[in-house]
Amino acid sequence: MVRVLIIGNSKFPSNAITETLVENSNMIIACDGAIEQCIDKSLEVDYVIGDMDSLNNISIRDLEQLNLQVIKIEDQNDNDLSKSINFACDLGAKQIDIIGVEGGSNQHQFASYWSLLDCPIESYIHLEDSIVSTIDCSSASYSIEIGGTFSVFPIGHCKGVCVSGSKWVVDNEEINPSSRGLHNVAIEREIEISCRDGQLLIFRSR
């Protein structure tokens, strides 16, 4: 299975989280200016992707001299994260992990969740306090510590939503976007979440 790590140009999670994801990845993509942080942290990167408008202390020529493959995409219809996700999919990725989207501009951070929602394959945003994923007309089971917290947010109108293994159960309901799904609590070591029609955004606390 090809597992790709995409690194955004914002705050990284802790070294322990970052190092584990790096070790488990077959390929690493830096979004635009994130390559400067990667170089500072001695992270080996395979591709640099974006419109290259966020490079501050290094040039495209410098990157090429470091034997990095630079993919310049000037299309402004997608952000650099979406460009990197599309590129990873074209390379045959089966799972995408994403870091470096925390902090910075709230607008950019919000857009990162939409990039995740648009991703057609299994993908996760790794934040310092949680892991974010999606469910799209499907079901998923997650291992979680008893007492661990999680949140389930519908994106638009969703039908046939089920949540089990938790303090607050949802049984084949129609739900609309609201704060209702915030901060549920696991009462079993595995929770199951499903959606018959629609899309859910899941936050699981670490």
C-alpha atoms as a PDB file:
ATOM      1  CA  MET A   1       0.000   0.000   0.000  1.00  0.00           C
ATOM      2  CA  VAL A   2       1.353   3.403  -0.988  1.00  0.00           C
ATOM      3  CA  ARG A   3       1.026   5.760   1.978  1.00  0.00           C
ATOM      4  CA  VAL A   4       1.761   9.434   1.377  1.00  0.00           C
ATOM      5  CA  LEU A   5       2.488  12.124   3.952  1.00  0.00           C
ATOM      6  CA  ILE A   6       1.589  15.677   2.906  1.00  0.00           C
ATOM      7  CA  ILE A   7       3.108  18.524   4.906  1.00  0.00           C
ATOM      8  CA  GLY A   8       1.391  21.911   4.956  1.00  0.00           C
ATOM      9  CA  ASN A   9       3.068  25.244   5.568  1.00  0.00           C
ATOM     10  CA  SER A  10       1.880  25.809   9.132  1.00  0.00           C
ATOM     11  CA  LYS A  11       2.536  24.481  12.623  1.00  0.00           C
ATOM     12  CA  PHE A  12       3.658  20.848  12.857  1.00  0.00           C
ATOM     13  CA  PRO A  13       2.296  18.555  15.584  1.00  0.00           C
ATOM     14  CA  SER A  14       4.726  17.230  18.195  1.00  0.00           C
ATOM     15  CA  ASN A  15       7.937  15.496  17.137  1.00  0.00           C
ATOM     16  CA  ALA A  16       6.560  12.142  18.278  1.00  0.00           C
ATOM     17  CA  ILE A  17       3.516  12.436  15.998  1.00  0.00           C
ATOM     18  CA  THR A  18       5.539  13.785  13.074  1.00  0.00           C
ATOM     19  CA  GLU A  19       8.312  11.194  13.336  1.00  0.00           C
ATOM     20  CA  THR A  20       5.844   8.288  13.456  1.00  0.00           C
ATOM     21  CA  LEU A  21       4.080   9.530  10.322  1.00  0.00           C
ATOM     22  CA  VAL A  22       7.374  10.065   8.517  1.00  0.00           C
ATOM     23  CA  GLU A  23       8.520   6.525   9.376  1.00  0.00           C
ATOM     24  CA  ASN A  24       5.240   5.027   8.142  1.00  0.00           C
ATOM     25  CA  SER A  25       5.194   6.923   4.836  1.00  0.00           C
ATOM     26  CA  ASN A  26       6.388   5.708   1.460  1.00  0.00           C
ATOM     27  CA  MET A  27       6.465   9.214   0.016  1.00  0.00           C
ATOM     28  CA  ILE A  28       6.505  12.760   1.400  1.00  0.00           C
ATOM     29  CA  ILE A  29       5.103  15.860  -0.306  1.00  0.00           C
ATOM     30  CA  ALA A  30       5.735  19.396   0.969  1.00  0.00           C
ATOM     31  CA  CYS A  31       3.179  22.075   0.119  1.00  0.00           C
ATOM     32  CA  ASP A  32       5.022  25.099  -1.235  1.00  0.00           C
ATOM     33  CA  GLY A  33       6.798  26.980   1.582  1.00  0.00           C
ATOM     34  CA  ALA A  34       6.521  23.993   3.927  1.00  0.00           C
ATOM     35  CA  ILE A  35       9.735  22.755   2.322  1.00  0.00           C
ATOM     36  CA  GLU A  36      11.670  25.358   4.303  1.00  0.00           C
ATOM     37  CA  GLN A  37      10.408  23.906   7.572  1.00  0.00           C
ATOM     38  CA  CYS A  38      11.194  20.408   6.314  1.00  0.00           C
ATOM     39  CA  ILE A  39      14.760  21.403   5.503  1.00  0.00           C
ATOM     40  CA  ASP A  40      15.132  23.043   8.931  1.00  0.00           C
ATOM     41  CA  LYS A  41      13.904  19.808  10.566  1.00  0.00           C
ATOM     42  CA  SER A  42      16.034  17.591   8.277  1.00  0.00           C
ATOM     43  CA  LEU A  43      12.957  15.851   6.876  1.00  0.00           C
ATOM     44  CA  GLU A  44      13.625  14.163   3.539  1.00  0.00           C
ATOM     45  CA  VAL A  45      10.979  15.171   0.998  1.00  0.00           C
ATOM     46  CA  ASP A  46      10.239  13.646  -2.413  1.00  0.00           C
ATOM     47  CA  TYR A  47       8.137  16.409  -3.993  1.00  0.00           C
ATOM     48  CA  VAL A  48       7.442  20.111  -3.485  1.00  0.00           C
ATOM     49  CA  ILE A  49       4.075  21.146  -4.907  1.00  0.00           C
ATOM     50  CA  GLY A  50       2.290  24.484  -5.214  1.00  0.00           C
ATOM     51  CA  ASP A  51       2.440  27.839  -6.939  1.00  0.00           C
ATOM     52  CA  MET A  52       5.714  28.579  -5.069  1.00  0.00           C
ATOM     53  CA  ASP A  53       4.514  31.932  -3.782  1.00  0.00           C
ATOM     54  CA  SER A  54       5.390  31.038  -0.178  1.00  0.00           C
ATOM     55  CA  LEU A  55       9.110  30.427  -0.622  1.00  0.00           C
ATOM     56  CA  ASN A  56      10.949  33.011   1.485  1.00  0.00           C
ATOM     57  CA  ASN A  57      14.555  31.917   1.977  1.00  0.00           C
ATOM     58  CA  ILE A  58      15.079  29.491  -0.863  1.00  0.00           C
ATOM     59  CA  SER A  59      14.512  29.501  -4.627  1.00  0.00           C
ATOM     60  CA  ILE A  60      13.163  26.872  -7.004  1.00  0.00           C
ATOM     61  CA  ARG A  61      16.676  26.497  -8.412  1.00  0.00           C
ATOM     62  CA  ASP A  62      18.020  25.862  -4.905  1.00  0.00           C
ATOM     63  CA  LEU A  63      15.409  23.138  -4.415  1.00  0.00           C
ATOM     64  CA  GLU A  64      16.281  21.487  -7.710  1.00  0.00           C
ATOM     65  CA  GLN A  65      19.945  21.499  -6.729  1.00  0.00           C
ATOM     66  CA  LEU A  66      18.919  19.540  -3.637  1.00  0.00           C
ATOM     67  CA  ASN A  67      17.512  16.887  -6.020  1.00  0.00           C
ATOM     68  CA  LEU A  68      13.943  17.681  -5.024  1.00  0.00           C
ATOM     69  CA  GLN A  69      11.230  17.308  -7.641  1.00  0.00           C
ATOM     70  CA  VAL A  70       9.448  20.648  -7.850  1.00  0.00           C
ATOM     71  CA  ILE A  71       5.925  20.584  -9.287  1.00  0.00           C
ATOM     72  CA  LYS A  72       4.807  24.157  -9.896  1.00  0.00           C
ATOM     73  CA  ILE A  73       1.037  24.479 -10.311  1.00  0.00           C
ATOM     74  CA  GLU A  74      -0.211  28.045 -10.664  1.00  0.00           C
ATOM     75  CA  ASP A  75      -3.926  27.175 -10.826  1.00  0.00           C
ATOM     76  CA  GLN A  76      -5.657  29.309  -8.157  1.00  0.00           C
ATOM     77  CA  ASN A  77      -8.874  27.275  -8.111  1.00  0.00           C
ATOM     78  CA  ASP A  78      -7.353  24.841  -5.582  1.00  0.00           C
ATOM     79  CA  ASN A  79      -5.141  25.471  -2.580  1.00  0.00           C
ATOM     80  CA  ASP A  80      -1.725  23.838  -2.328  1.00  0.00           C
ATOM     81  CA  LEU A  81      -3.071  21.046  -0.112  1.00  0.00           C
ATOM     82  CA  SER A  82      -5.698  20.073  -2.688  1.00  0.00           C
ATOM     83  CA  LYS A  83      -3.048  20.175  -5.422  1.00  0.00           C
ATOM     84  CA  SER A  84      -0.858  17.857  -3.357  1.00  0.00           C
ATOM     85  CA  ILE A  85      -3.757  15.494  -2.630  1.00  0.00           C
ATOM     86  CA  ASN A  86      -4.623  15.272  -6.340  1.00  0.00           C
ATOM     87  CA  PHE A  87      -0.972  14.611  -7.186  1.00  0.00           C
ATOM     88  CA  ALA A  88      -0.742  11.871  -4.531  1.00  0.00           C
ATOM     89  CA  CYS A  89      -3.870  10.228  -5.925  1.00  0.00           C
ATOM     90  CA  ASP A  90      -2.373  10.287  -9.423  1.00  0.00           C
ATOM     91  CA  LEU A  91       0.703   8.527  -8.018  1.00  0.00           C
ATOM     92  CA  GLY A  92      -1.499   5.702  -6.739  1.00  0.00           C
ATOM     93  CA  ALA A  93      -1.673   6.590  -3.052  1.00  0.00           C
ATOM     94  CA  LYS A  94      -4.022   4.387  -1.009  1.00  0.00           C
ATOM     95  CA  GLN A  95      -3.781   6.455   2.179  1.00  0.00           C
ATOM     96  CA  ILE A  96      -2.882  10.095   2.764  1.00  0.00           C
ATOM     97  CA  ASP A  97      -1.777  11.576   6.088  1.00  0.00           C
ATOM     98  CA  ILE A  98      -1.628  15.356   6.464  1.00  0.00           C
ATOM     99  CA  ILE A  99       0.212  17.561   8.970  1.00  0.00           C
ATOM    100  CA  GLY A 100       1.145  21.227   9.083  1.00  0.00           C
ATOM    101  CA  VAL A 101      -2.342  22.730   8.837  1.00  0.00           C
ATOM    102  CA  GLU A 102      -2.704  23.873  12.439  1.00  0.00           C
ATOM    103  CA  GLY A 103      -2.455  27.517  13.464  1.00  0.00           C
ATOM    104  CA  GLY A 104      -1.762  30.374  11.088  1.00  0.00           C
ATOM    105  CA  SER A 105      -4.605  31.799   9.051  1.00  0.00           C
ATOM    106  CA  ASN A 106      -8.030  30.574  10.167  1.00  0.00           C
ATOM    107  CA  GLN A 107      -9.153  30.798   6.555  1.00  0.00           C
ATOM    108  CA  HIS A 108      -6.395  28.452   5.417  1.00  0.00           C
ATOM    109  CA  GLN A 109      -7.082  26.065   8.280  1.00  0.00           C
ATOM    110  CA  PHE A 110     -10.799  25.924   7.440  1.00  0.00           C
ATOM    111  CA  ALA A 111      -9.981  25.301   3.773  1.00  0.00           C
ATOM    112  CA  SER A 112      -7.860  22.304   4.808  1.00  0.00           C
ATOM    113  CA  TYR A 113     -10.965  20.495   6.063  1.00  0.00           C
ATOM    114  CA  TRP A 114     -12.671  21.051   2.714  1.00  0.00           C
ATOM    115  CA  SER A 115      -9.606  19.631   0.967  1.00  0.00           C
ATOM    116  CA  LEU A 116      -9.980  16.547   3.170  1.00  0.00           C
ATOM    117  CA  LEU A 117     -13.697  16.276   2.362  1.00  0.00           C
ATOM    118  CA  ASP A 118     -12.899  16.360  -1.366  1.00  0.00           C
ATOM    119  CA  CYS A 119     -10.238  13.637  -1.108  1.00  0.00           C
ATOM    120  CA  PRO A 120     -11.447  10.440  -2.842  1.00  0.00           C
ATOM    121  CA  ILE A 121      -9.274   8.021  -0.823  1.00  0.00           C
ATOM    122  CA  GLU A 122      -8.649   7.243   2.852  1.00  0.00           C
ATOM    123  CA  SER A 123      -7.098  10.343   4.390  1.00  0.00           C
ATOM    124  CA  TYR A 124      -6.420  11.894   7.788  1.00  0.00           C
ATOM    125  CA  ILE A 125      -5.445  15.302   9.115  1.00  0.00           C
ATOM    126  CA  HIS A 126      -3.221  14.906  12.171  1.00  0.00           C
ATOM    127  CA  LEU A 127      -3.578  17.730  14.695  1.00  0.00           C
ATOM    128  CA  GLU A 128      -1.845  17.992  18.056  1.00  0.00           C
ATOM    129  CA  ASP A 129      -5.012  17.075  19.963  1.00  0.00           C
ATOM    130  CA  SER A 130      -6.987  15.030  17.443  1.00  0.00           C
ATOM    131  CA  ILE A 131      -7.154  13.098  14.172  1.00  0.00           C
ATOM    132  CA  VAL A 132      -9.654  14.273  11.561  1.00  0.00           C
ATOM    133  CA  SER A 133     -11.216  12.010   8.927  1.00  0.00           C
ATOM    134  CA  THR A 134     -14.382  11.692   6.859  1.00  0.00           C
ATOM    135  CA  ILE A 135     -17.146   9.203   6.223  1.00  0.00           C
ATOM    136  CA  ASP A 136     -18.951   9.441   2.896  1.00  0.00           C
ATOM    137  CA  CYS A 137     -22.003   7.166   2.485  1.00  0.00           C
ATOM    138  CA  SER A 138     -20.144   4.381   4.286  1.00  0.00           C
ATOM    139  CA  SER A 139     -19.222   3.097   7.739  1.00  0.00           C
ATOM    140  CA  ALA A 140     -16.018   2.958   9.769  1.00  0.00           C
ATOM    141  CA  SER A 141     -14.848   1.484  13.066  1.00  0.00           C
ATOM    142  CA  TYR A 142     -12.228   3.204  15.203  1.00  0.00           C
ATOM    143  CA  SER A 143     -10.213   1.836  18.103  1.00  0.00           C
ATOM    144  CA  ILE A 144     -10.365   4.288  20.982  1.00  0.00           C
ATOM    145  CA  GLU A 145      -9.668   4.321  24.708  1.00  0.00           C
ATOM    146  CA  ILE A 146     -12.714   4.048  26.922  1.00  0.00           C
ATOM    147  CA  GLY A 147     -13.429   7.597  28.066  1.00  0.00           C
ATOM    148  CA  GLY A 148     -11.833   9.022  24.943  1.00  0.00           C
ATOM    149  CA  THR A 149     -13.736  11.820  23.249  1.00  0.00           C
ATOM    150  CA  PHE A 150     -14.765  12.319  19.637  1.00  0.00           C
ATOM    151  CA  SER A 151     -17.021  14.580  17.589  1.00  0.00           C
ATOM    152  CA  VAL A 152     -19.172  13.879  14.535  1.00  0.00           C
ATOM    153  CA  PHE A 153     -20.264  16.787  12.341  1.00  0.00           C
ATOM    154  CA  PRO A 154     -22.578  16.385   9.322  1.00  0.00           C
ATOM    155  CA  ILE A 155     -21.619  18.261   6.174  1.00  0.00           C
ATOM    156  CA  GLY A 156     -25.007  19.225   4.832  1.00  0.00           C
ATOM    157  CA  HIS A 157     -28.118  17.101   5.343  1.00  0.00           C
ATOM    158  CA  CYS A 158     -27.259  13.475   6.188  1.00  0.00           C
ATOM    159  CA  LYS A 159     -29.522  10.416   6.335  1.00  0.00           C
ATOM    160  CA  GLY A 160     -29.156   7.087   8.101  1.00  0.00           C
ATOM    161  CA  VAL A 161     -26.509   8.300  10.540  1.00  0.00           C
ATOM    162  CA  CYS A 162     -25.512   5.786  13.233  1.00  0.00           C
ATOM    163  CA  VAL A 163     -23.029   6.168  16.091  1.00  0.00           C
ATOM    164  CA  SER A 164     -22.473   3.313  18.554  1.00  0.00           C
ATOM    165  CA  GLY A 165     -20.017   2.349  21.287  1.00  0.00           C
ATOM    166  CA  SER A 166     -20.484   5.787  22.785  1.00  0.00           C
ATOM    167  CA  LYS A 167     -22.270   7.556  25.627  1.00  0.00           C
ATOM    168  CA  TRP A 168     -24.659   9.239  23.202  1.00  0.00           C
ATOM    169  CA  VAL A 169     -25.955   6.866  20.532  1.00  0.00           C
ATOM    170  CA  VAL A 170     -27.357   7.866  17.166  1.00  0.00           C
ATOM    171  CA  ASP A 171     -29.596   5.258  15.539  1.00  0.00           C
ATOM    172  CA  ASN A 172     -30.416   5.685  11.861  1.00  0.00           C
ATOM    173  CA  GLU A 173     -31.232   9.391  12.130  1.00  0.00           C
ATOM    174  CA  GLU A 174     -31.436  12.290   9.712  1.00  0.00           C
ATOM    175  CA  ILE A 175     -29.243  15.124  10.950  1.00  0.00           C
ATOM    176  CA  ASN A 176     -28.312  18.590   9.764  1.00  0.00           C
ATOM    177  CA  PRO A 177     -25.195  20.682  10.460  1.00  0.00           C
ATOM    178  CA  SER A 178     -25.156  21.722  14.126  1.00  0.00           C
ATOM    179  CA  SER A 179     -23.055  21.498  17.283  1.00  0.00           C
ATOM    180  CA  ARG A 180     -25.002  18.432  18.433  1.00  0.00           C
ATOM    181  CA  GLY A 181     -22.218  15.982  17.581  1.00  0.00           C
ATOM    182  CA  LEU A 182     -19.587  17.775  19.665  1.00  0.00           C
ATOM    183  CA  HIS A 183     -17.678  15.882  22.349  1.00  0.00           C
ATOM    184  CA  ASN A 184     -19.171  12.401  22.521  1.00  0.00           C
ATOM    185  CA  VAL A 185     -17.484   9.864  24.841  1.00  0.00           C
ATOM    186  CA  ALA A 186     -16.448   6.280  24.062  1.00  0.00           C
ATOM    187  CA  ILE A 187     -17.820   3.654  26.452  1.00  0.00           C
ATOM    188  CA  GLU A 188     -16.389   0.743  24.430  1.00  0.00           C
ATOM    189  CA  ARG A 189     -12.929   0.166  22.967  1.00  0.00           C
ATOM    190  CA  GLU A 190     -14.315   0.475  19.462  1.00  0.00           C
ATOM    191  CA  ILE A 191     -16.788   2.979  18.131  1.00  0.00           C
ATOM    192  CA  GLU A 192     -18.679   2.576  14.875  1.00  0.00           C
ATOM    193  CA  ILE A 193     -19.928   5.466  12.783  1.00  0.00           C
ATOM    194  CA  SER A 194     -21.890   5.220   9.559  1.00  0.00           C
ATOM    195  CA  CYS A 195     -23.823   7.403   7.147  1.00  0.00           C
ATOM    196  CA  ARG A 196     -26.193   6.052   4.480  1.00  0.00           C
ATOM    197  CA  ASP A 197     -26.494   9.307   2.556  1.00  0.00           C
ATOM    198  CA  GLY A 198     -24.236  12.324   3.055  1.00  0.00           C
ATOM    199  CA  GLN A 199     -20.839  13.108   4.473  1.00  0.00           C
ATOM    200  CA  LEU A 200     -19.524  13.320   8.023  1.00  0.00           C
ATOM    201  CA  LEU A 201     -16.420  14.966   9.455  1.00  0.00           C
ATOM    202  CA  ILE A 202     -14.948  13.053  12.412  1.00  0.00           C
ATOM    203  CA  PHE A 203     -12.601  14.422  15.094  1.00  0.00           C
ATOM    204  CA  ARG A 204     -11.043  11.826  17.418  1.00  0.00           C
ATOM    205  CA  SER A 205      -9.131  13.150  20.413  1.00  0.00           C
ATOM    206  CA  ARG A 206      -5.668  11.713  21.034  1.00  0.00           C
END
